[in-house]
Amino acid sequence: MTNDILIGSNSAVGRFQRNGKIFYRLRIEDLRVYFEKINIALHCHFILPKNSLNDFLVRCKMPSSDEAVLENHQSFWDYLESLAKK
């Protein structure tokens, strides 16, 4: 994976910042790969099915063990409603 891909506008690769680190999300068919670049290496944090609950939690920066917080988060309910419309 080149730097051009990581900093470019490729729709399959997204970027976000968390705790001062830059994380990338690579879309590969029905999977989402979350990783960071450390020097010349890529460190994979998660490989998740798309539209899964864990994928949603990673994107929303929420801990998966805290279900009460999840249920009180409006975007969780919006997400579930969007799945019902498919």
N, C-alpha and C. Protein backbone atom coordinates (compact mmCIF):
# COMPACT_ATOMS: atom_id res chain seq x y z
N MET A 1 0.86 -1.16 0.00
CA MET A 1 0.00 0.00 0.00
C MET A 1 0.90 1.23 0.00
N THR A 2 0.70 2.09 -0.95
CA THR A 2 1.57 3.26 -1.09
C THR A 2 1.03 4.44 -0.30
N ASN A 3 1.88 5.42 -0.07
CA ASN A 3 1.46 6.66 0.59
C ASN A 3 0.40 7.38 -0.23
N ASP A 4 0.49 7.27 -1.55
CA ASP A 4 -0.51 7.91 -2.42
C ASP A 4 -1.91 7.37 -2.13
N ILE A 5 -2.00 6.08 -1.90
CA ILE A 5 -3.30 5.48 -1.58
C ILE A 5 -3.78 5.96 -0.22
N LEU A 6 -2.87 6.00 0.76
CA LEU A 6 -3.25 6.38 2.11
C LEU A 6 -3.65 7.84 2.23
N ILE A 7 -3.06 8.73 1.43
CA ILE A 7 -3.40 10.15 1.53
C ILE A 7 -4.32 10.62 0.41
N GLY A 8 -4.61 9.72 -0.52
CA GLY A 8 -5.41 10.08 -1.69
C GLY A 8 -6.90 10.05 -1.43
N SER A 9 -7.65 10.14 -2.51
CA SER A 9 -9.10 10.18 -2.41
C SER A 9 -9.73 8.85 -2.83
N ASN A 10 -9.01 7.77 -2.66
CA ASN A 10 -9.54 6.45 -2.98
C ASN A 10 -10.74 6.18 -2.09
N SER A 11 -11.89 5.89 -2.69
CA SER A 11 -13.11 5.71 -1.90
C SER A 11 -13.08 4.43 -1.07
N ALA A 12 -12.17 3.51 -1.36
CA ALA A 12 -12.08 2.28 -0.58
C ALA A 12 -11.30 2.47 0.71
N VAL A 13 -10.54 3.57 0.82
CA VAL A 13 -9.72 3.81 2.01
C VAL A 13 -10.17 5.11 2.67
N GLY A 14 -10.57 4.99 3.93
CA GLY A 14 -10.96 6.16 4.71
C GLY A 14 -9.93 6.42 5.80
N ARG A 15 -9.97 7.64 6.34
CA ARG A 15 -9.02 8.02 7.39
C ARG A 15 -9.77 8.68 8.52
N PHE A 16 -9.32 8.45 9.76
CA PHE A 16 -9.84 9.17 10.90
C PHE A 16 -8.76 9.20 11.97
N GLN A 17 -8.91 10.14 12.89
CA GLN A 17 -7.92 10.31 13.94
C GLN A 17 -8.55 9.95 15.28
N ARG A 18 -7.81 9.19 16.08
CA ARG A 18 -8.28 8.80 17.40
C ARG A 18 -7.09 8.75 18.34
N ASN A 19 -7.18 9.45 19.46
CA ASN A 19 -6.11 9.49 20.46
C ASN A 19 -4.76 9.90 19.86
N GLY A 20 -4.79 10.85 18.94
CA GLY A 20 -3.56 11.36 18.33
C GLY A 20 -2.96 10.48 17.26
N LYS A 21 -3.62 9.37 16.91
CA LYS A 21 -3.11 8.47 15.89
C LYS A 21 -4.03 8.53 14.68
N ILE A 22 -3.45 8.31 13.51
CA ILE A 22 -4.25 8.24 12.28
C ILE A 22 -4.54 6.78 11.98
N PHE A 23 -5.82 6.47 11.88
CA PHE A 23 -6.27 5.13 11.54
C PHE A 23 -6.88 5.16 10.14
N TYR A 24 -6.78 4.03 9.46
CA TYR A 24 -7.33 3.88 8.12
C TYR A 24 -8.36 2.77 8.13
N ARG A 25 -9.35 2.91 7.26
CA ARG A 25 -10.35 1.85 7.07
C ARG A 25 -10.35 1.49 5.60
N LEU A 26 -10.04 0.24 5.32
CA LEU A 26 -10.01 -0.27 3.95
C LEU A 26 -11.24 -1.12 3.73
N ARG A 27 -11.99 -0.81 2.69
CA ARG A 27 -13.18 -1.60 2.34
C ARG A 27 -12.80 -2.65 1.31
N ILE A 28 -13.02 -3.91 1.68
CA ILE A 28 -12.75 -5.03 0.78
C ILE A 28 -14.01 -5.89 0.75
N GLU A 29 -14.79 -5.76 -0.30
CA GLU A 29 -16.05 -6.48 -0.44
C GLU A 29 -16.89 -6.34 0.82
N ASP A 30 -17.14 -7.42 1.55
CA ASP A 30 -17.99 -7.37 2.74
C ASP A 30 -17.20 -7.22 4.04
N LEU A 31 -15.94 -6.83 3.94
CA LEU A 31 -15.10 -6.67 5.12
C LEU A 31 -14.62 -5.23 5.26
N ARG A 32 -14.33 -4.86 6.49
CA ARG A 32 -13.72 -3.56 6.80
C ARG A 32 -12.46 -3.84 7.61
N VAL A 33 -11.32 -3.35 7.11
CA VAL A 33 -10.03 -3.56 7.76
C VAL A 33 -9.59 -2.22 8.35
N TYR A 34 -9.42 -2.19 9.67
CA TYR A 34 -8.97 -0.98 10.37
C TYR A 34 -7.52 -1.16 10.74
N PHE A 35 -6.68 -0.20 10.33
CA PHE A 35 -5.25 -0.34 10.57
C PHE A 35 -4.61 1.03 10.74
N GLU A 36 -3.36 1.04 11.21
CA GLU A 36 -2.58 2.27 11.27
C GLU A 36 -1.21 2.01 10.66
N LYS A 37 -0.59 3.06 10.19
CA LYS A 37 0.74 2.97 9.60
C LYS A 37 1.75 3.36 10.68
N ILE A 38 2.67 2.46 10.99
CA ILE A 38 3.71 2.72 11.97
C ILE A 38 5.05 2.55 11.25
N ASN A 39 5.70 3.68 11.00
CA ASN A 39 6.93 3.71 10.20
C ASN A 39 6.64 3.09 8.84
N ILE A 40 7.28 1.97 8.50
CA ILE A 40 7.04 1.37 7.18
C ILE A 40 6.06 0.20 7.26
N ALA A 41 5.56 -0.10 8.47
CA ALA A 41 4.66 -1.25 8.65
C ALA A 41 3.21 -0.79 8.79
N LEU A 42 2.31 -1.69 8.45
CA LEU A 42 0.89 -1.48 8.68
C LEU A 42 0.47 -2.41 9.81
N HIS A 43 -0.16 -1.83 10.84
CA HIS A 43 -0.60 -2.61 11.99
C HIS A 43 -2.12 -2.72 11.94
N CYS A 44 -2.62 -3.92 11.75
CA CYS A 44 -4.06 -4.16 11.65
C CYS A 44 -4.66 -4.26 13.05
N HIS A 45 -5.71 -3.48 13.29
CA HIS A 45 -6.40 -3.52 14.58
C HIS A 45 -7.64 -4.40 14.52
N PHE A 46 -8.41 -4.28 13.44
CA PHE A 46 -9.66 -5.03 13.31
C PHE A 46 -9.89 -5.44 11.87
N ILE A 47 -10.49 -6.61 11.68
CA ILE A 47 -11.06 -7.03 10.40
C ILE A 47 -12.49 -7.44 10.74
N LEU A 48 -13.45 -6.64 10.26
CA LEU A 48 -14.84 -6.81 10.67
C LEU A 48 -15.76 -6.92 9.46
N PRO A 49 -16.85 -7.66 9.59
CA PRO A 49 -17.85 -7.68 8.52
C PRO A 49 -18.51 -6.31 8.40
N LYS A 50 -18.79 -5.87 7.18
CA LYS A 50 -19.43 -4.57 7.00
C LYS A 50 -20.82 -4.60 7.62
N ASN A 51 -21.25 -3.45 8.10
CA ASN A 51 -22.57 -3.27 8.71
C ASN A 51 -22.80 -4.14 9.93
N SER A 52 -21.74 -4.63 10.55
CA SER A 52 -21.89 -5.40 11.78
C SER A 52 -21.93 -4.44 12.97
N LEU A 53 -22.38 -4.95 14.09
CA LEU A 53 -22.44 -4.12 15.29
C LEU A 53 -21.04 -3.65 15.68
N ASN A 54 -20.05 -4.54 15.62
CA ASN A 54 -18.68 -4.15 15.98
C ASN A 54 -18.12 -3.09 15.03
N ASP A 55 -18.44 -3.20 13.75
CA ASP A 55 -18.01 -2.19 12.78
C ASP A 55 -18.61 -0.84 13.15
N PHE A 56 -19.87 -0.84 13.50
CA PHE A 56 -20.55 0.39 13.93
C PHE A 56 -19.87 0.97 15.18
N LEU A 57 -19.55 0.11 16.14
CA LEU A 57 -18.93 0.58 17.38
C LEU A 57 -17.56 1.20 17.12
N VAL A 58 -16.78 0.60 16.24
CA VAL A 58 -15.45 1.14 15.92
C VAL A 58 -15.61 2.51 15.25
N ARG A 59 -16.54 2.62 14.31
CA ARG A 59 -16.74 3.88 13.61
C ARG A 59 -17.25 4.98 14.55
N CYS A 60 -18.01 4.61 15.56
CA CYS A 60 -18.58 5.60 16.49
C CYS A 60 -17.70 5.82 17.71
N LYS A 61 -16.53 5.19 17.75
CA LYS A 61 -15.59 5.34 18.85
C LYS A 61 -16.18 4.91 20.18
N MET A 62 -16.99 3.89 20.17
CA MET A 62 -17.63 3.44 21.40
C MET A 62 -17.06 2.09 21.84
N PRO A 63 -16.94 1.89 23.15
CA PRO A 63 -16.47 0.59 23.64
C PRO A 63 -17.55 -0.46 23.47
N SER A 64 -17.18 -1.65 23.02
CA SER A 64 -18.18 -2.69 22.78
C SER A 64 -18.73 -3.28 24.06
N SER A 65 -18.06 -3.09 25.18
CA SER A 65 -18.53 -3.67 26.43
C SER A 65 -19.56 -2.80 27.14
N ASP A 66 -19.73 -1.59 26.69
CA ASP A 66 -20.63 -0.67 27.38
C ASP A 66 -21.96 -0.58 26.63
N GLU A 67 -22.82 -1.57 26.84
CA GLU A 67 -24.08 -1.63 26.11
C GLU A 67 -25.02 -0.50 26.48
N ALA A 68 -24.97 -0.05 27.72
CA ALA A 68 -25.88 1.03 28.14
C ALA A 68 -25.59 2.32 27.39
N VAL A 69 -24.32 2.61 27.17
CA VAL A 69 -23.95 3.80 26.40
C VAL A 69 -24.43 3.65 24.97
N LEU A 70 -24.28 2.47 24.43
CA LEU A 70 -24.70 2.21 23.06
C LEU A 70 -26.19 2.46 22.89
N GLU A 71 -26.99 1.94 23.79
CA GLU A 71 -28.43 2.08 23.67
C GLU A 71 -28.89 3.53 23.80
N ASN A 72 -28.11 4.36 24.47
CA ASN A 72 -28.47 5.77 24.63
C ASN A 72 -27.92 6.64 23.51
N HIS A 73 -27.19 6.07 22.59
CA HIS A 73 -26.57 6.82 21.50
C HIS A 73 -27.53 6.81 20.31
N GLN A 74 -28.00 7.96 19.89
CA GLN A 74 -29.00 8.05 18.83
C GLN A 74 -28.52 7.45 17.52
N SER A 75 -27.24 7.56 17.21
CA SER A 75 -26.76 7.02 15.94
C SER A 75 -26.88 5.49 15.89
N PHE A 76 -26.89 4.83 17.04
CA PHE A 76 -27.11 3.39 17.07
C PHE A 76 -28.50 3.06 16.54
N TRP A 77 -29.50 3.78 17.00
CA TRP A 77 -30.87 3.54 16.57
C TRP A 77 -31.05 3.93 15.10
N ASP A 78 -30.40 5.00 14.68
CA ASP A 78 -30.44 5.38 13.27
C ASP A 78 -29.84 4.28 12.41
N TYR A 79 -28.73 3.71 12.88
CA TYR A 79 -28.07 2.62 12.16
C TYR A 79 -29.01 1.42 12.03
N LEU A 80 -29.64 1.02 13.13
CA LEU A 80 -30.56 -0.11 13.08
C LEU A 80 -31.74 0.15 12.14
N GLU A 81 -32.26 1.36 12.15
CA GLU A 81 -33.34 1.71 11.24
C GLU A 81 -32.90 1.63 9.78
N SER A 82 -31.65 2.04 9.52
CA SER A 82 -31.16 1.98 8.14
C SER A 82 -31.03 0.54 7.66
N LEU A 83 -30.71 -0.39 8.55
CA LEU A 83 -30.62 -1.80 8.18
C LEU A 83 -32.00 -2.36 7.86
N ALA A 84 -33.01 -1.90 8.56
CA ALA A 84 -34.36 -2.38 8.33
C ALA A 84 -34.89 -1.93 6.97
N LYS A 85 -34.37 -0.83 6.45
CA LYS A 85 -34.82 -0.29 5.17
C LYS A 85 -34.20 -1.02 3.98
N LYS A 86 -33.16 -1.82 4.22
CA LYS A 86 -32.46 -2.50 3.11
C LYS A 86 -33.26 -3.65 2.58
